[in-house]
Each structure stands twice: as C-alpha cells, then as structure tokens.
Amino acid sequence: MTALPVPVTRRGAAYWLAGYRGMLRFDLASAREWLVPFTLVQVLMGAGMAIIYGFYLGDMPPRAATFVATGAPTLAVIPLGMALAPSLVAGRRIEGTYDFMWSLPVPRLTAALSSFTLFTLLAAPGFAASLGIAAWRYDLDLHVSASVLPGVLLCSLMAASVGFAVGHAVASPALVNVVTNLVIFVVLMFSPIAFPIEHFPGWLAAAHRVLPFWHMAQVVRASLTDGLVTGVAASYLVLGAWTVAAWLLAAWAVGRRR
C-alpha cells in the first residue's frame, strides 16, 4: 500500500518565518548585481548631502548647522523607500518576474516585510555616513538618544511602505517613474528637512504638516539633539498614519490580483 504524502500546513509561525526567509533570499539574489555599487552610491550621497549644504549656506550658527547635520540622514533615507522601492516593483513588471513573485507559495505579507528589511539595511550606511561626516564637518556635539533606533525604523518603514504601495497600485512603469521623480524633486527642493519649517510661507508649511517629509526630519532630529524639537509625538502619529494608509493601499492593490 502506497503511503499518501503528508500535506504541508500553510499557516502558523513556522510557515510564515520560512516564507520570510525565502523572500529575503529572493530579494537579495535579485539585488546581487546592484547591491554593492548602490550601497557605495548611498554612502557617497549621504556624505555629499552633509557637506554640500555648507557650500550653499556658508558660515552657519550652531543651530542652523545642527538642522543641516540632522536633516542629511533623513534625506539619505527617503530616496530608498520612496524611489527605489517603486522602481524595483516597476522593473519586475518589465522583466516579467512580477507575476512569478506573487505565485510563490509564501504569505504575501512576507514579500513586503522582506523589501522593508532590504531597504532598511541599505539605508543604514548612508544614514551613518551622513550623520558622522556632518557632525565632523560642522564640529557638532550631537546627543544620540535611545529613540534613534525606533525613529529611524519608523521613517524607513513609512518610506518603504509608501514606495511599496505606489509600486503596486500604479500599473504603468512609466507613470511610476514620473511619480518617483516628482517625489524626489519635492523632497530636495521644497521640503523643510535641513532647515526650520518657519522659513516656509504659511500655506506650504501647513501642507508639510500633513505630508510625511518634515515629520521624518523631526523624528530623526529629536533622537539626535536635546531640546531642539518639540511636539515630536505628533510627528510619530503622522508617520504612523501614513504607514497605515500605505499598507491599506498596498493591500487593496495586491488583493486585486486574487
């Protein structure tokens, strides 16, 4: 008598963890061609952002220099989640691997968490380089607190979540490219990340109190300074709301494929 195969249980913590490890290996294998050069570019970009503002602004008082030094790490984190994440999803559509990824026998949530893990690891070198070089360049004594880890993780999660949602909700790779370029343009040119929000006109400052970029800088800055930032709890709430909204949009976009 032939023994029947034992059915695989597709639920539970063990199945979920196995799926997460499998998706992380899949993402790392997919990124092997660009992972090292991109990490180097990320470090150079973070270091460059920390230095270039000194050329633009010249001699700065300590408060202004502190804003620049603590804003540069945020500028290093945003492009990873909000530009690279949707671009990778769009690239999978073009390569024809997008449908294959969703056909894998793993929980769909593990794909999102695997991407978040990859983007967080990629953000770490640029974040550290920009912060260290900025502190050295402007001769600052920053006060790094225990909140730096949850703050950076929340910023990375929010950025990756928004990018993940955009990548899956926008079916056209060309349109994804337009959206990501628009985000980078707004972040670099019209966001109060490296300087106080009070420098902006009232209507633009009000818009940034709803958008996530200024709040990301606030959370990071609060974890690196003492007394420079007030009302950081509101920034955590705004970033949390953006993260939840992005996950709802991503769940809706992915759910349409069922």
C-alpha atoms as a PDB file:
ATOM      1  CA  MET A   1       0.000   0.000   0.000  1.00  0.00           C
ATOM      2  CA  THR A   2       1.444   3.365  -1.069  1.00  0.00           C
ATOM      3  CA  ALA A   3       1.711   5.954   1.670  1.00  0.00           C
ATOM      4  CA  LEU A   4      -0.033   9.224   0.980  1.00  0.00           C
ATOM      5  CA  PRO A   5       2.103  12.391   1.087  1.00  0.00           C
ATOM      6  CA  VAL A   6       1.761  14.452   4.224  1.00  0.00           C
ATOM      7  CA  PRO A   7       0.014  17.741   3.356  1.00  0.00           C
ATOM      8  CA  VAL A   8       2.002  20.900   4.008  1.00  0.00           C
ATOM      9  CA  THR A   9       0.447  23.168   6.619  1.00  0.00           C
ATOM     10  CA  ARG A  10       0.397  26.661   5.145  1.00  0.00           C
ATOM     11  CA  ARG A  11      -0.198  28.593   8.310  1.00  0.00           C
ATOM     12  CA  GLY A  12       1.443  29.232  11.622  1.00  0.00           C
ATOM     13  CA  ALA A  13       4.624  30.973  12.725  1.00  0.00           C
ATOM     14  CA  ALA A  14       6.988  28.367  11.257  1.00  0.00           C
ATOM     15  CA  TYR A  15       5.405  28.636   7.806  1.00  0.00           C
ATOM     16  CA  TRP A  16       5.443  32.442   7.984  1.00  0.00           C
ATOM     17  CA  LEU A  17       9.103  32.596   9.040  1.00  0.00           C
ATOM     18  CA  ALA A  18      10.096  30.140   6.324  1.00  0.00           C
ATOM     19  CA  GLY A  19       8.297  32.312   3.782  1.00  0.00           C
ATOM     20  CA  TYR A  20      10.019  35.440   5.081  1.00  0.00           C
ATOM     21  CA  ARG A  21      13.460  33.818   4.833  1.00  0.00           C
ATOM     22  CA  GLY A  22      12.676  32.598   1.334  1.00  0.00           C
ATOM     23  CA  MET A  23      11.523  36.033   0.152  1.00  0.00           C
ATOM     24  CA  LEU A  24      14.554  37.694   1.720  1.00  0.00           C
ATOM     25  CA  ARG A  25      16.844  35.290  -0.150  1.00  0.00           C
ATOM     26  CA  PHE A  26      14.862  36.002  -3.323  1.00  0.00           C
ATOM     27  CA  ASP A  27      15.214  39.779  -2.890  1.00  0.00           C
ATOM     28  CA  LEU A  28      18.928  39.537  -2.088  1.00  0.00           C
ATOM     29  CA  ALA A  29      19.515  37.319  -5.121  1.00  0.00           C
ATOM     30  CA  SER A  30      17.588  39.762  -7.313  1.00  0.00           C
ATOM     31  CA  ALA A  31      19.696  42.636  -5.971  1.00  0.00           C
ATOM     32  CA  ARG A  32      23.095  40.963  -6.251  1.00  0.00           C
ATOM     33  CA  GLU A  33      24.055  42.884  -9.413  1.00  0.00           C
ATOM     34  CA  TRP A  34      23.424  46.346  -7.966  1.00  0.00           C
ATOM     35  CA  LEU A  35      23.587  45.859  -4.185  1.00  0.00           C
ATOM     36  CA  VAL A  36      27.275  46.714  -3.660  1.00  0.00           C
ATOM     37  CA  PRO A  37      27.503  49.666  -6.099  1.00  0.00           C
ATOM     38  CA  PHE A  38      24.216  51.065  -4.811  1.00  0.00           C
ATOM     39  CA  THR A  39      25.462  50.855  -1.219  1.00  0.00           C
ATOM     40  CA  LEU A  40      28.580  52.787  -2.208  1.00  0.00           C
ATOM     41  CA  VAL A  41      26.478  55.397  -4.004  1.00  0.00           C
ATOM     42  CA  GLN A  42      24.215  55.631  -0.964  1.00  0.00           C
ATOM     43  CA  VAL A  43      27.197  56.314   1.303  1.00  0.00           C
ATOM     44  CA  LEU A  44      28.576  58.932  -1.098  1.00  0.00           C
ATOM     45  CA  MET A  45      25.150  60.558  -1.445  1.00  0.00           C
ATOM     46  CA  GLY A  46      24.671  60.738   2.309  1.00  0.00           C
ATOM     47  CA  ALA A  47      28.137  62.191   2.797  1.00  0.00           C
ATOM     48  CA  GLY A  48      27.632  64.630  -0.072  1.00  0.00           C
ATOM     49  CA  MET A  49      24.360  65.896   1.355  1.00  0.00           C
ATOM     50  CA  ALA A  50      26.058  66.541   4.671  1.00  0.00           C
ATOM     51  CA  ILE A  51      28.782  68.629   3.014  1.00  0.00           C
ATOM     52  CA  ILE A  52      27.061  70.424   0.132  1.00  0.00           C
ATOM     53  CA  TYR A  53      24.722  72.475   2.313  1.00  0.00           C
ATOM     54  CA  GLY A  54      27.789  74.034   3.910  1.00  0.00           C
ATOM     55  CA  PHE A  55      28.805  75.333   0.486  1.00  0.00           C
ATOM     56  CA  TYR A  56      25.328  76.718  -0.136  1.00  0.00           C
ATOM     57  CA  LEU A  57      24.882  78.390   3.250  1.00  0.00           C
ATOM     58  CA  GLY A  58      28.454  79.326   4.157  1.00  0.00           C
ATOM     59  CA  ASP A  59      29.297  80.009   7.776  1.00  0.00           C
ATOM     60  CA  MET A  60      26.326  78.982   9.888  1.00  0.00           C
ATOM     61  CA  PRO A  61      25.450  79.471  13.534  1.00  0.00           C
ATOM     62  CA  PRO A  62      25.339  76.248  15.589  1.00  0.00           C
ATOM     63  CA  ARG A  63      21.532  75.957  15.413  1.00  0.00           C
ATOM     64  CA  ALA A  64      21.478  76.156  11.606  1.00  0.00           C
ATOM     65  CA  ALA A  65      24.387  73.715  11.356  1.00  0.00           C
ATOM     66  CA  THR A  66      22.543  71.301  13.634  1.00  0.00           C
ATOM     67  CA  PHE A  67      19.490  71.438  11.365  1.00  0.00           C
ATOM     68  CA  VAL A  68      21.664  70.622   8.355  1.00  0.00           C
ATOM     69  CA  ALA A  69      23.545  67.835  10.129  1.00  0.00           C
ATOM     70  CA  THR A  70      20.381  66.152  11.409  1.00  0.00           C
ATOM     71  CA  GLY A  71      18.466  66.681   8.171  1.00  0.00           C
ATOM     72  CA  ALA A  72      21.052  64.987   5.959  1.00  0.00           C
ATOM     73  CA  PRO A  73      20.369  61.469   7.344  1.00  0.00           C
ATOM     74  CA  THR A  74      16.665  61.916   6.588  1.00  0.00           C
ATOM     75  CA  LEU A  75      17.495  62.930   3.029  1.00  0.00           C
ATOM     76  CA  ALA A  76      19.521  59.720   2.747  1.00  0.00           C
ATOM     77  CA  VAL A  77      16.591  57.533   3.866  1.00  0.00           C
ATOM     78  CA  ILE A  78      13.759  58.974   1.758  1.00  0.00           C
ATOM     79  CA  PRO A  79      15.002  58.052  -1.761  1.00  0.00           C
ATOM     80  CA  LEU A  80      15.418  54.392  -0.815  1.00  0.00           C
ATOM     81  CA  GLY A  81      11.823  53.774   0.141  1.00  0.00           C
ATOM     82  CA  MET A  82      10.001  56.311  -1.995  1.00  0.00           C
ATOM     83  CA  ALA A  83      12.078  55.999  -5.169  1.00  0.00           C
ATOM     84  CA  LEU A  84      13.948  52.688  -5.194  1.00  0.00           C
ATOM     85  CA  ALA A  85      11.073  50.570  -3.863  1.00  0.00           C
ATOM     86  CA  PRO A  86       8.507  51.512  -6.538  1.00  0.00           C
ATOM     87  CA  SER A  87      11.210  51.421  -9.217  1.00  0.00           C
ATOM     88  CA  LEU A  88      12.076  47.835  -8.292  1.00  0.00           C
ATOM     89  CA  VAL A  89       8.422  46.821  -8.488  1.00  0.00           C
ATOM     90  CA  ALA A  90       8.134  48.538 -11.873  1.00  0.00           C
ATOM     91  CA  GLY A  91      11.308  46.773 -13.010  1.00  0.00           C
ATOM     92  CA  ARG A  92       9.797  43.412 -12.106  1.00  0.00           C
ATOM     93  CA  ARG A  93       6.779  44.230 -14.249  1.00  0.00           C
ATOM     94  CA  ILE A  94       9.056  44.992 -17.190  1.00  0.00           C
ATOM     95  CA  GLU A  95      11.199  41.875 -16.647  1.00  0.00           C
ATOM     96  CA  GLY A  96       8.141  39.648 -16.304  1.00  0.00           C
ATOM     97  CA  THR A  97       9.015  38.466 -12.782  1.00  0.00           C
ATOM     98  CA  TYR A  98       6.194  40.363 -11.067  1.00  0.00           C
ATOM     99  CA  ASP A  99       3.594  37.628 -11.583  1.00  0.00           C
ATOM    100  CA  PHE A 100       6.147  34.963 -10.687  1.00  0.00           C
ATOM    101  CA  MET A 101       6.820  36.636  -7.337  1.00  0.00           C
ATOM    102  CA  TRP A 102       3.136  36.521  -6.396  1.00  0.00           C
ATOM    103  CA  SER A 103       2.875  32.886  -7.486  1.00  0.00           C
ATOM    104  CA  LEU A 104       5.385  31.799  -4.841  1.00  0.00           C
ATOM    105  CA  PRO A 105       3.822  29.690  -2.045  1.00  0.00           C
ATOM    106  CA  VAL A 106       4.522  32.182   0.753  1.00  0.00           C
ATOM    107  CA  PRO A 107       2.317  34.636   2.670  1.00  0.00           C
ATOM    108  CA  ARG A 108       2.039  37.874   0.732  1.00  0.00           C
ATOM    109  CA  LEU A 109       2.951  39.914   3.781  1.00  0.00           C
ATOM    110  CA  THR A 110       6.406  38.335   3.784  1.00  0.00           C
ATOM    111  CA  ALA A 111       7.174  39.958   0.413  1.00  0.00           C
ATOM    112  CA  ALA A 112       6.502  43.403   1.851  1.00  0.00           C
ATOM    113  CA  LEU A 113       8.483  42.763   5.037  1.00  0.00           C
ATOM    114  CA  SER A 114      11.375  41.350   3.042  1.00  0.00           C
ATOM    115  CA  SER A 115      11.504  44.529   0.959  1.00  0.00           C
ATOM    116  CA  PHE A 116      11.357  46.639   4.119  1.00  0.00           C
ATOM    117  CA  THR A 117      14.279  44.685   5.589  1.00  0.00           C
ATOM    118  CA  LEU A 118      16.350  45.163   2.439  1.00  0.00           C
ATOM    119  CA  PHE A 119      15.677  48.908   2.222  1.00  0.00           C
ATOM    120  CA  THR A 120      16.406  49.412   5.925  1.00  0.00           C
ATOM    121  CA  LEU A 121      19.756  47.631   5.598  1.00  0.00           C
ATOM    122  CA  LEU A 122      20.577  49.718   2.529  1.00  0.00           C
ATOM    123  CA  ALA A 123      19.678  52.940   4.354  1.00  0.00           C
ATOM    124  CA  ALA A 124      21.968  52.267   7.307  1.00  0.00           C
ATOM    125  CA  PRO A 125      25.346  53.047   5.626  1.00  0.00           C
ATOM    126  CA  GLY A 126      24.117  56.323   4.104  1.00  0.00           C
ATOM    127  CA  PHE A 127      22.464  57.360   7.355  1.00  0.00           C
ATOM    128  CA  ALA A 128      25.594  56.686   9.390  1.00  0.00           C
ATOM    129  CA  ALA A 129      27.922  58.308   6.849  1.00  0.00           C
ATOM    130  CA  SER A 130      25.869  61.483   6.507  1.00  0.00           C
ATOM    131  CA  LEU A 131      25.478  61.849  10.265  1.00  0.00           C
ATOM    132  CA  GLY A 132      29.132  61.200  11.082  1.00  0.00           C
ATOM    133  CA  ILE A 133      30.523  63.454   8.361  1.00  0.00           C
ATOM    134  CA  ALA A 134      28.049  66.244   9.162  1.00  0.00           C
ATOM    135  CA  ALA A 135      28.952  66.160  12.848  1.00  0.00           C
ATOM    136  CA  TRP A 136      32.640  66.322  11.910  1.00  0.00           C
ATOM    137  CA  ARG A 137      32.194  68.977   9.192  1.00  0.00           C
ATOM    138  CA  TYR A 138      30.237  71.372  11.417  1.00  0.00           C
ATOM    139  CA  ASP A 139      32.004  70.440  14.668  1.00  0.00           C
ATOM    140  CA  LEU A 140      28.806  69.463  16.461  1.00  0.00           C
ATOM    141  CA  ASP A 141      28.286  67.553  19.668  1.00  0.00           C
ATOM    142  CA  LEU A 142      25.093  65.622  18.969  1.00  0.00           C
ATOM    143  CA  HIS A 143      23.133  63.909  21.729  1.00  0.00           C
ATOM    144  CA  VAL A 144      22.188  60.490  20.369  1.00  0.00           C
ATOM    145  CA  SER A 145      19.336  59.005  22.401  1.00  0.00           C
ATOM    146  CA  ALA A 146      17.767  55.563  22.555  1.00  0.00           C
ATOM    147  CA  SER A 147      14.906  56.824  20.374  1.00  0.00           C
ATOM    148  CA  VAL A 148      17.182  56.908  17.313  1.00  0.00           C
ATOM    149  CA  LEU A 149      16.533  53.231  16.550  1.00  0.00           C
ATOM    150  CA  PRO A 150      12.701  53.298  16.635  1.00  0.00           C
ATOM    151  CA  GLY A 151      12.743  56.694  14.940  1.00  0.00           C
ATOM    152  CA  VAL A 152      14.885  55.561  12.017  1.00  0.00           C
ATOM    153  CA  LEU A 153      12.987  52.275  11.722  1.00  0.00           C
ATOM    154  CA  LEU A 154       9.659  54.120  11.580  1.00  0.00           C
ATOM    155  CA  CYS A 155      10.964  56.527   8.942  1.00  0.00           C
ATOM    156  CA  SER A 156      12.344  53.648   6.895  1.00  0.00           C
ATOM    157  CA  LEU A 157       9.137  51.645   7.290  1.00  0.00           C
ATOM    158  CA  MET A 158       6.971  54.588   6.290  1.00  0.00           C
ATOM    159  CA  ALA A 159       9.085  55.425   3.231  1.00  0.00           C
ATOM    160  CA  ALA A 160       9.273  51.790   2.115  1.00  0.00           C
ATOM    161  CA  SER A 161       5.539  51.330   2.718  1.00  0.00           C
ATOM    162  CA  VAL A 162       4.627  54.352   0.599  1.00  0.00           C
ATOM    163  CA  GLY A 163       7.002  53.237  -2.145  1.00  0.00           C
ATOM    164  CA  PHE A 164       5.700  49.670  -1.975  1.00  0.00           C
ATOM    165  CA  ALA A 165       2.110  50.921  -2.228  1.00  0.00           C
ATOM    166  CA  VAL A 166       2.861  53.208  -5.173  1.00  0.00           C
ATOM    167  CA  GLY A 167       4.756  50.472  -6.993  1.00  0.00           C
ATOM    168  CA  HIS A 168       1.853  48.041  -6.732  1.00  0.00           C
ATOM    169  CA  ALA A 169      -1.036  50.493  -7.118  1.00  0.00           C
ATOM    170  CA  VAL A 170       0.349  52.169 -10.262  1.00  0.00           C
ATOM    171  CA  ALA A 171       0.405  49.575 -13.016  1.00  0.00           C
ATOM    172  CA  SER A 172       2.360  51.620 -15.567  1.00  0.00           C
ATOM    173  CA  PRO A 173       6.153  51.558 -15.035  1.00  0.00           C
ATOM    174  CA  ALA A 174       6.436  54.864 -16.917  1.00  0.00           C
ATOM    175  CA  LEU A 175       3.957  56.523 -14.561  1.00  0.00           C
ATOM    176  CA  VAL A 176       5.804  55.072 -11.564  1.00  0.00           C
ATOM    177  CA  ASN A 177       8.955  56.743 -12.865  1.00  0.00           C
ATOM    178  CA  VAL A 178       7.136  60.076 -13.104  1.00  0.00           C
ATOM    179  CA  VAL A 179       5.791  59.773  -9.556  1.00  0.00           C
ATOM    180  CA  THR A 180       9.160  58.858  -8.042  1.00  0.00           C
ATOM    181  CA  ASN A 181      10.912  61.727  -9.801  1.00  0.00           C
ATOM    182  CA  LEU A 182       8.224  64.118  -8.577  1.00  0.00           C
ATOM    183  CA  VAL A 183       8.706  62.901  -5.003  1.00  0.00           C
ATOM    184  CA  ILE A 184      12.478  63.391  -5.138  1.00  0.00           C
ATOM    185  CA  PHE A 185      12.010  66.857  -6.659  1.00  0.00           C
ATOM    186  CA  VAL A 186       9.629  67.899  -3.877  1.00  0.00           C
ATOM    187  CA  VAL A 187      11.856  66.430  -1.163  1.00  0.00           C
ATOM    188  CA  LEU A 188      15.061  68.080  -2.350  1.00  0.00           C
ATOM    189  CA  MET A 189      13.634  71.452  -3.374  1.00  0.00           C
ATOM    190  CA  PHE A 190      10.523  72.149  -1.321  1.00  0.00           C
ATOM    191  CA  SER A 191      10.777  70.244   1.961  1.00  0.00           C
ATOM    192  CA  PRO A 192      11.837  71.756   5.326  1.00  0.00           C
ATOM    193  CA  ILE A 193      14.190  68.924   6.207  1.00  0.00           C
ATOM    194  CA  ALA A 194      17.532  70.702   6.589  1.00  0.00           C
ATOM    195  CA  PHE A 195      16.107  73.981   7.921  1.00  0.00           C
ATOM    196  CA  PRO A 196      13.214  75.129  10.158  1.00  0.00           C
ATOM    197  CA  ILE A 197       9.689  74.918   8.801  1.00  0.00           C
ATOM    198  CA  GLU A 198       9.133  78.528   9.909  1.00  0.00           C
ATOM    199  CA  HIS A 199      11.183  79.631   6.886  1.00  0.00           C
ATOM    200  CA  PHE A 200       8.369  78.481   4.596  1.00  0.00           C
ATOM    201  CA  PRO A 201       5.264  80.508   3.713  1.00  0.00           C
ATOM    202  CA  GLY A 202       2.226  79.598   5.787  1.00  0.00           C
ATOM    203  CA  TRP A 203       0.405  77.591   3.113  1.00  0.00           C
ATOM    204  CA  LEU A 204       3.456  75.468   2.287  1.00  0.00           C
ATOM    205  CA  ALA A 205       4.263  74.920   5.960  1.00  0.00           C
ATOM    206  CA  ALA A 206       0.658  73.798   6.507  1.00  0.00           C
ATOM    207  CA  ALA A 207       0.982  71.325   3.634  1.00  0.00           C
ATOM    208  CA  HIS A 208       4.149  69.859   5.138  1.00  0.00           C
ATOM    209  CA  ARG A 209       2.438  69.368   8.469  1.00  0.00           C
ATOM    210  CA  VAL A 210       0.271  66.840   6.612  1.00  0.00           C
ATOM    211  CA  LEU A 211       2.946  65.388   4.321  1.00  0.00           C
ATOM    212  CA  PRO A 212       5.442  62.986   5.927  1.00  0.00           C
ATOM    213  CA  PHE A 213       8.785  64.548   4.955  1.00  0.00           C
ATOM    214  CA  TRP A 214       9.060  67.226   7.646  1.00  0.00           C
ATOM    215  CA  HIS A 215       7.824  64.788  10.271  1.00  0.00           C
ATOM    216  CA  MET A 216      10.549  62.312   9.289  1.00  0.00           C
ATOM    217  CA  ALA A 217      13.149  65.010   9.876  1.00  0.00           C
ATOM    218  CA  GLN A 218      11.529  65.900  13.197  1.00  0.00           C
ATOM    219  CA  VAL A 219      11.643  62.318  14.452  1.00  0.00           C
ATOM    220  CA  VAL A 220      15.272  61.834  13.430  1.00  0.00           C
ATOM    221  CA  ARG A 221      16.292  65.265  14.746  1.00  0.00           C
ATOM    222  CA  ALA A 222      14.617  64.658  18.110  1.00  0.00           C
ATOM    223  CA  SER A 223      16.669  61.478  18.568  1.00  0.00           C
ATOM    224  CA  LEU A 224      19.949  63.270  17.843  1.00  0.00           C
ATOM    225  CA  THR A 225      19.530  66.539  19.740  1.00  0.00           C
ATOM    226  CA  ASP A 226      18.383  67.781  23.110  1.00  0.00           C
ATOM    227  CA  GLY A 227      15.700  70.479  23.221  1.00  0.00           C
ATOM    228  CA  LEU A 228      15.756  71.411  19.528  1.00  0.00           C
ATOM    229  CA  VAL A 229      12.496  69.648  18.638  1.00  0.00           C
ATOM    230  CA  THR A 230       9.119  69.956  20.352  1.00  0.00           C
ATOM    231  CA  GLY A 231       5.886  68.084  19.716  1.00  0.00           C
ATOM    232  CA  VAL A 232       7.647  65.016  18.332  1.00  0.00           C
ATOM    233  CA  ALA A 233       4.756  62.788  19.446  1.00  0.00           C
ATOM    234  CA  ALA A 234       2.574  64.376  16.759  1.00  0.00           C
ATOM    235  CA  SER A 235       5.222  63.545  14.158  1.00  0.00           C
ATOM    236  CA  TYR A 236       5.209  59.899  15.243  1.00  0.00           C
ATOM    237  CA  LEU A 237       1.418  59.850  14.870  1.00  0.00           C
ATOM    238  CA  VAL A 238       1.534  61.390  11.389  1.00  0.00           C
ATOM    239  CA  LEU A 239       4.176  58.914  10.219  1.00  0.00           C
ATOM    240  CA  GLY A 240       2.165  56.072  11.712  1.00  0.00           C
ATOM    241  CA  ALA A 241      -0.941  57.265   9.867  1.00  0.00           C
ATOM    242  CA  TRP A 242       0.955  57.430   6.570  1.00  0.00           C
ATOM    243  CA  THR A 243       2.311  53.930   7.158  1.00  0.00           C
ATOM    244  CA  VAL A 244      -1.146  52.506   7.842  1.00  0.00           C
ATOM    245  CA  ALA A 245      -2.617  54.292   4.817  1.00  0.00           C
ATOM    246  CA  ALA A 246       0.178  52.955   2.604  1.00  0.00           C
ATOM    247  CA  TRP A 247      -0.373  49.399   3.814  1.00  0.00           C
ATOM    248  CA  LEU A 248      -4.111  49.687   3.180  1.00  0.00           C
ATOM    249  CA  LEU A 249      -3.426  50.919  -0.356  1.00  0.00           C
ATOM    250  CA  ALA A 250      -0.891  48.139  -0.922  1.00  0.00           C
ATOM    251  CA  ALA A 251      -3.315  45.516   0.430  1.00  0.00           C
ATOM    252  CA  TRP A 252      -6.021  46.785  -1.911  1.00  0.00           C
ATOM    253  CA  ALA A 253      -3.648  46.779  -4.906  1.00  0.00           C
ATOM    254  CA  VAL A 254      -2.302  43.304  -4.162  1.00  0.00           C
ATOM    255  CA  GLY A 255      -5.772  41.987  -3.324  1.00  0.00           C
ATOM    256  CA  ARG A 256      -6.969  42.848  -6.831  1.00  0.00           C
ATOM    257  CA  ARG A 257      -4.692  40.095  -8.149  1.00  0.00           C
ATOM    258  CA  ARG A 258      -6.637  37.333  -6.430  1.00  0.00           C
END
